[in-house]
Amino acid sequence: MSAFWIILTGSLVAASCGLLGCFLILRRMAMIGDAISHAVLPGIVIAYIFTHSLDSLPMILGATSVGLLATFLIELVHQKGKVQADAAIGLIFTFLFSCGVILISSWTKHIDLDADCVLHGEIAMVPFELWITESGLNLGPIAVWKLSILFLIVVGLIYVGYRPLRLTTFDPQYAAAIGVSTGFWHYLLMGAVSMTTVLSFESVGAILVVAFLVAPPAIAYLLTERLDHMLLISLLAGLISAVGGYALAAALEGAIAGAMTAVLGIEFIFAYCYYVYLRK
């Protein structure tokens, strides 16, 4: 049963990250997830300063809030400062991460507080963190419930906003000309990425989140030129990596997250070979 929960958790993270990652890849902002993982550190520290608690909920709220702030600042620097998107990402996440380090060294010297305690989870531990009701009913791993809700939110966002997201991704000038708010949909997408990154980091760790945000969409990008097909292929690639990665880890008795990421790498090699030697 542990294998089922681990594979399901990996699949849910892959699905949520892969769907959003398609839009990030097309907008040339693929590494925003990695940037957010560093930028949220001051949010964790501030949450502790106000609550004096290391519980997950205030930490996640603090981290998500600063993640949203990071996306706003990145867009501000990129649009108003005329700085390239990748440079803006590098500037903002290093600035916020540095602020977090300063806050830790100044305000929490005697507390064992680190981003690892909240965000850098381990997928192998998912089956052991159960949701048990007061009556003793076992509802399964807490992470699965969180990630299931997250997946539904992501699917709902894309279903409702598919047309404006597509327009603002491929032709923002045309979208603005016909009255679509490019800023609103950009920040809504970045907010979803921020929330997905923080919740997924807590459950499965840094390696998988960044890998799932980038690799499945990159694989899909090489295999199709249609956005709807890209979303579906990204989902399939993530599912294959979750199942295949767990099987590989079990066979080699190795790290599950590393194995799932390795399977993504193998999938990308096949997709690249198809793109170079067959599709062209």
Protein backbone atom coordinates (compact mmCIF):
# COMPACT_ATOMS: atom_id res chain seq x y z
CA MET A 1 0.00 0.00 0.00
CA SER A 2 2.94 2.35 0.63
CA ALA A 3 3.96 2.02 -3.01
CA PHE A 4 0.48 3.09 -4.11
CA TRP A 5 0.52 6.22 -1.95
CA ILE A 6 4.03 7.17 -3.09
CA ILE A 7 3.19 6.73 -6.77
CA LEU A 8 -0.10 8.61 -6.34
CA THR A 9 1.70 11.47 -4.59
CA GLY A 10 4.32 11.66 -7.32
CA SER A 11 1.61 11.56 -9.99
CA LEU A 12 -0.36 14.39 -8.37
CA VAL A 13 2.72 16.59 -8.08
CA ALA A 14 3.72 15.75 -11.64
CA ALA A 15 0.25 16.61 -12.92
CA SER A 16 -0.05 19.95 -11.12
CA CYS A 17 3.50 21.04 -11.87
CA GLY A 18 3.42 19.76 -15.44
CA LEU A 19 0.22 21.59 -16.38
CA LEU A 20 1.49 24.90 -15.02
CA GLY A 21 4.97 24.22 -16.35
CA CYS A 22 3.67 24.15 -19.92
CA PHE A 23 2.75 27.81 -19.64
CA LEU A 24 6.06 28.62 -17.91
CA ILE A 25 8.05 26.92 -20.67
CA LEU A 26 6.17 28.84 -23.35
CA ARG A 27 6.66 32.10 -21.44
CA ARG A 28 10.40 31.33 -20.98
CA MET A 29 10.08 31.32 -17.21
CA ALA A 30 10.80 27.63 -16.58
CA MET A 31 13.03 28.19 -13.54
CA ILE A 32 10.55 30.32 -11.61
CA GLY A 33 9.78 27.32 -9.38
CA ASP A 34 13.40 26.99 -8.31
CA ALA A 35 13.54 30.73 -7.71
CA ILE A 36 10.41 30.63 -5.52
CA SER A 37 11.87 27.78 -3.45
CA HIS A 38 14.69 30.10 -2.37
CA ALA A 39 12.68 33.31 -2.23
CA VAL A 40 10.15 32.01 0.30
CA LEU A 41 12.70 31.70 3.11
CA PRO A 42 11.90 35.13 4.64
CA GLY A 43 8.21 34.17 4.65
CA ILE A 44 9.03 31.14 6.80
CA VAL A 45 11.03 33.25 9.25
CA ILE A 46 8.40 36.00 9.47
CA ALA A 47 5.69 33.38 10.06
CA TYR A 48 7.68 32.01 12.98
CA ILE A 49 8.37 35.47 14.42
CA PHE A 50 4.64 36.24 14.52
CA THR A 51 3.35 32.83 15.59
CA HIS A 52 6.30 31.38 17.56
CA SER A 53 5.30 28.05 16.03
CA LEU A 54 6.98 25.59 13.68
CA ASP A 55 3.63 24.14 12.55
CA SER A 56 3.21 23.62 8.81
CA LEU A 57 0.15 25.85 8.27
CA PRO A 58 1.64 29.22 9.31
CA MET A 59 4.90 28.33 7.58
CA ILE A 60 3.09 27.50 4.34
CA LEU A 61 1.00 30.68 4.52
CA GLY A 62 4.10 32.78 5.10
CA ALA A 63 6.01 31.04 2.34
CA THR A 64 3.15 31.33 -0.16
CA SER A 65 2.70 35.03 0.60
CA VAL A 66 6.36 35.78 -0.07
CA GLY A 67 6.22 33.56 -3.15
CA LEU A 68 3.48 35.79 -4.52
CA LEU A 69 5.52 38.87 -3.59
CA ALA A 70 8.49 37.40 -5.44
CA THR A 71 6.47 36.88 -8.62
CA PHE A 72 5.16 40.46 -8.40
CA LEU A 73 8.68 41.88 -7.96
CA ILE A 74 10.05 39.74 -10.80
CA GLU A 75 7.36 41.03 -13.13
CA LEU A 76 7.89 44.62 -11.94
CA VAL A 77 11.63 44.48 -12.58
CA HIS A 78 11.12 42.73 -15.90
CA GLN A 79 8.41 45.07 -17.26
CA LYS A 80 9.27 48.42 -15.69
CA GLY A 81 13.02 48.00 -15.46
CA LYS A 82 13.34 46.47 -18.93
CA VAL A 83 15.42 43.65 -17.47
CA GLN A 84 15.28 40.23 -19.11
CA ALA A 85 13.03 37.71 -17.34
CA ASP A 86 15.84 35.32 -16.38
CA ALA A 87 17.91 38.17 -14.98
CA ALA A 88 14.92 39.49 -13.02
CA ILE A 89 14.33 36.02 -11.55
CA GLY A 90 17.97 35.78 -10.47
CA LEU A 91 17.98 39.23 -8.91
CA ILE A 92 14.77 38.86 -6.91
CA PHE A 93 15.22 35.35 -5.57
CA THR A 94 18.80 36.02 -4.42
CA PHE A 95 17.65 39.26 -2.74
CA LEU A 96 14.76 37.62 -0.90
CA PHE A 97 16.81 34.56 0.03
CA SER A 98 19.48 36.84 1.46
CA CYS A 99 16.81 38.67 3.48
CA GLY A 100 15.72 35.32 4.88
CA VAL A 101 19.27 34.42 5.89
CA ILE A 102 19.66 37.80 7.63
CA LEU A 103 16.37 37.33 9.50
CA ILE A 104 17.40 33.85 10.64
CA SER A 105 20.77 35.04 11.90
CA SER A 106 19.27 38.09 13.63
CA TRP A 107 15.93 36.92 15.05
CA THR A 108 16.11 33.16 15.42
CA LYS A 109 19.64 32.50 16.62
CA HIS A 110 18.56 30.00 19.26
CA ILE A 111 15.90 28.23 17.20
CA ASP A 112 16.48 25.33 14.82
CA LEU A 113 14.70 27.01 11.94
CA ASP A 114 15.56 26.17 8.36
CA ALA A 115 13.75 26.02 5.07
CA ASP A 116 14.43 22.28 5.11
CA CYS A 117 12.10 21.80 8.11
CA VAL A 118 9.08 22.87 6.07
CA LEU A 119 9.72 22.81 2.36
CA HIS A 120 12.26 20.10 1.57
CA GLY A 121 10.17 17.03 2.15
CA GLU A 122 10.79 13.38 1.29
CA ILE A 123 8.30 11.46 -0.82
CA ALA A 124 9.16 8.17 0.90
CA MET A 125 7.73 9.56 4.16
CA VAL A 126 4.31 10.35 2.67
CA PRO A 127 2.62 7.03 3.71
CA PHE A 128 3.58 7.61 7.36
CA GLU A 129 1.94 11.02 7.81
CA LEU A 130 -1.71 9.94 8.02
CA TRP A 131 -4.96 11.80 8.52
CA ILE A 132 -6.73 9.97 11.34
CA THR A 133 -10.07 11.31 12.55
CA GLU A 134 -11.11 11.58 16.18
CA SER A 135 -13.11 8.37 15.77
CA GLY A 136 -9.97 6.55 14.63
CA LEU A 137 -10.83 6.41 10.91
CA ASN A 138 -7.73 6.36 8.72
CA LEU A 139 -8.28 8.59 5.69
CA GLY A 140 -4.84 8.05 4.20
CA PRO A 141 -1.80 10.33 3.89
CA ILE A 142 -2.36 14.03 4.54
CA ALA A 143 -0.14 14.92 1.58
CA VAL A 144 -2.42 13.07 -0.84
CA TRP A 145 -5.44 15.08 0.29
CA LYS A 146 -3.54 18.37 0.02
CA LEU A 147 -2.15 17.55 -3.40
CA SER A 148 -5.51 16.27 -4.66
CA ILE A 149 -7.15 19.58 -3.77
CA LEU A 150 -4.23 21.43 -5.33
CA PHE A 151 -4.58 19.40 -8.54
CA LEU A 152 -8.30 20.20 -8.76
CA ILE A 153 -7.54 23.91 -8.30
CA VAL A 154 -4.92 23.82 -11.06
CA VAL A 155 -7.23 21.92 -13.44
CA GLY A 156 -10.06 24.34 -12.64
CA LEU A 157 -7.83 27.34 -13.34
CA ILE A 158 -6.73 25.97 -16.70
CA TYR A 159 -10.26 24.89 -17.66
CA VAL A 160 -11.78 28.28 -16.85
CA GLY A 161 -8.88 30.37 -18.09
CA TYR A 162 -7.64 28.28 -21.00
CA ARG A 163 -8.39 30.88 -23.69
CA PRO A 164 -7.00 33.95 -21.89
CA LEU A 165 -3.97 31.98 -20.68
CA ARG A 166 -3.29 30.82 -24.23
CA LEU A 167 -3.72 34.32 -25.65
CA THR A 168 -1.53 36.02 -23.05
CA THR A 169 1.14 33.34 -23.48
CA PHE A 170 1.43 33.39 -27.28
CA ASP A 171 0.40 36.95 -28.16
CA PRO A 172 0.08 39.29 -25.16
CA GLN A 173 -0.20 42.36 -27.39
CA TYR A 174 -3.20 40.96 -29.22
CA ALA A 175 -4.73 39.80 -25.94
CA ALA A 176 -4.44 43.31 -24.52
CA ALA A 177 -5.89 44.78 -27.71
CA ILE A 178 -9.08 42.71 -27.43
CA GLY A 179 -9.51 43.53 -23.76
CA VAL A 180 -7.90 40.55 -22.01
CA SER A 181 -6.07 41.61 -18.85
CA THR A 182 -2.56 40.27 -19.36
CA GLY A 183 -1.47 41.40 -15.89
CA PHE A 184 -4.35 39.65 -14.12
CA TRP A 185 -3.76 36.31 -15.84
CA HIS A 186 -0.01 36.55 -15.39
CA TYR A 187 -0.29 37.07 -11.64
CA LEU A 188 -3.00 34.45 -11.36
CA LEU A 189 -0.72 31.95 -13.09
CA MET A 190 2.26 32.96 -10.96
CA GLY A 191 0.14 32.71 -7.82
CA ALA A 192 -0.85 29.17 -8.79
CA VAL A 193 2.81 28.33 -9.44
CA SER A 194 3.79 29.76 -6.06
CA MET A 195 1.12 27.80 -4.19
CA THR A 196 1.92 24.61 -6.10
CA THR A 197 5.64 24.95 -5.48
CA VAL A 198 5.29 25.51 -1.74
CA LEU A 199 2.77 22.71 -1.13
CA SER A 200 4.68 20.28 -3.33
CA PHE A 201 8.03 21.06 -1.72
CA GLU A 202 6.57 20.23 1.68
CA SER A 203 5.42 16.82 0.45
CA VAL A 204 8.02 15.54 -2.00
CA GLY A 205 11.11 17.74 -1.81
CA ALA A 206 13.03 20.13 -4.01
CA ILE A 207 14.34 17.79 -6.68
CA LEU A 208 10.98 16.50 -7.81
CA VAL A 209 9.18 19.84 -7.85
CA VAL A 210 11.74 21.57 -10.06
CA ALA A 211 12.02 18.48 -12.27
CA PHE A 212 8.24 18.17 -12.70
CA LEU A 213 7.88 21.89 -13.48
CA VAL A 214 10.42 21.71 -16.28
CA ALA A 215 10.90 18.19 -17.69
CA PRO A 216 7.36 17.00 -18.63
CA PRO A 217 6.50 20.31 -20.38
CA ALA A 218 9.89 20.27 -22.14
CA ILE A 219 9.23 16.72 -23.33
CA ALA A 220 5.78 17.71 -24.56
CA TYR A 221 7.19 20.81 -26.26
CA LEU A 222 9.40 18.60 -28.43
CA LEU A 223 6.57 16.28 -29.41
CA THR A 224 3.77 18.65 -30.41
CA GLU A 225 2.97 22.18 -31.54
CA ARG A 226 -0.54 22.32 -30.05
CA LEU A 227 -1.09 23.58 -26.52
CA ASP A 228 -3.88 21.14 -25.67
CA HIS A 229 -1.75 18.21 -26.82
CA MET A 230 1.18 19.63 -24.90
CA LEU A 231 -0.84 19.63 -21.68
CA LEU A 232 -1.92 16.01 -22.18
CA ILE A 233 1.56 14.77 -23.09
CA SER A 234 2.97 16.56 -20.06
CA LEU A 235 0.48 14.72 -17.85
CA LEU A 236 1.40 11.39 -19.43
CA ALA A 237 5.14 12.00 -19.11
CA GLY A 238 4.74 12.85 -15.43
CA LEU A 239 2.66 9.73 -14.78
CA ILE A 240 5.23 7.51 -16.51
CA SER A 241 8.03 9.02 -14.45
CA ALA A 242 6.12 8.48 -11.19
CA VAL A 243 5.43 4.82 -11.91
CA GLY A 244 8.72 4.08 -13.63
CA GLY A 245 10.73 6.04 -11.09
CA TYR A 246 9.29 4.10 -8.17
CA ALA A 247 9.95 0.79 -9.96
CA LEU A 248 13.53 1.87 -10.68
CA ALA A 249 14.10 2.96 -7.09
CA ALA A 250 12.69 -0.33 -5.79
CA ALA A 251 14.90 -2.34 -8.15
CA LEU A 252 18.06 -0.42 -7.26
CA GLU A 253 17.09 0.27 -3.62
CA GLY A 254 17.84 3.91 -4.28
CA ALA A 255 16.28 7.32 -3.72
CA ILE A 256 12.75 7.57 -5.08
CA ALA A 257 12.91 11.25 -5.99
CA GLY A 258 16.20 10.76 -7.80
CA ALA A 259 14.84 7.75 -9.69
CA MET A 260 11.73 9.61 -10.83
CA THR A 261 13.90 12.48 -12.02
CA ALA A 262 16.19 10.04 -13.83
CA VAL A 263 13.21 8.54 -15.66
CA LEU A 264 12.22 12.06 -16.73
CA GLY A 265 15.73 12.47 -18.12
CA ILE A 266 15.38 9.23 -20.10
CA GLU A 267 12.00 10.35 -21.43
CA PHE A 268 13.52 13.65 -22.53
CA ILE A 269 16.33 11.84 -24.39
CA PHE A 270 13.77 9.81 -26.35
CA ALA A 271 11.71 12.94 -27.07
CA TYR A 272 14.84 14.80 -28.20
CA CYS A 273 15.86 11.97 -30.50
CA TYR A 274 12.35 11.91 -31.98
CA TYR A 275 12.44 15.71 -32.50
CA VAL A 276 15.89 15.72 -34.12
CA TYR A 277 15.80 12.56 -36.24
CA LEU A 278 12.13 11.89 -36.98
CA ARG A 279 9.94 14.95 -36.55
CA LYS A 280 12.15 17.21 -38.65
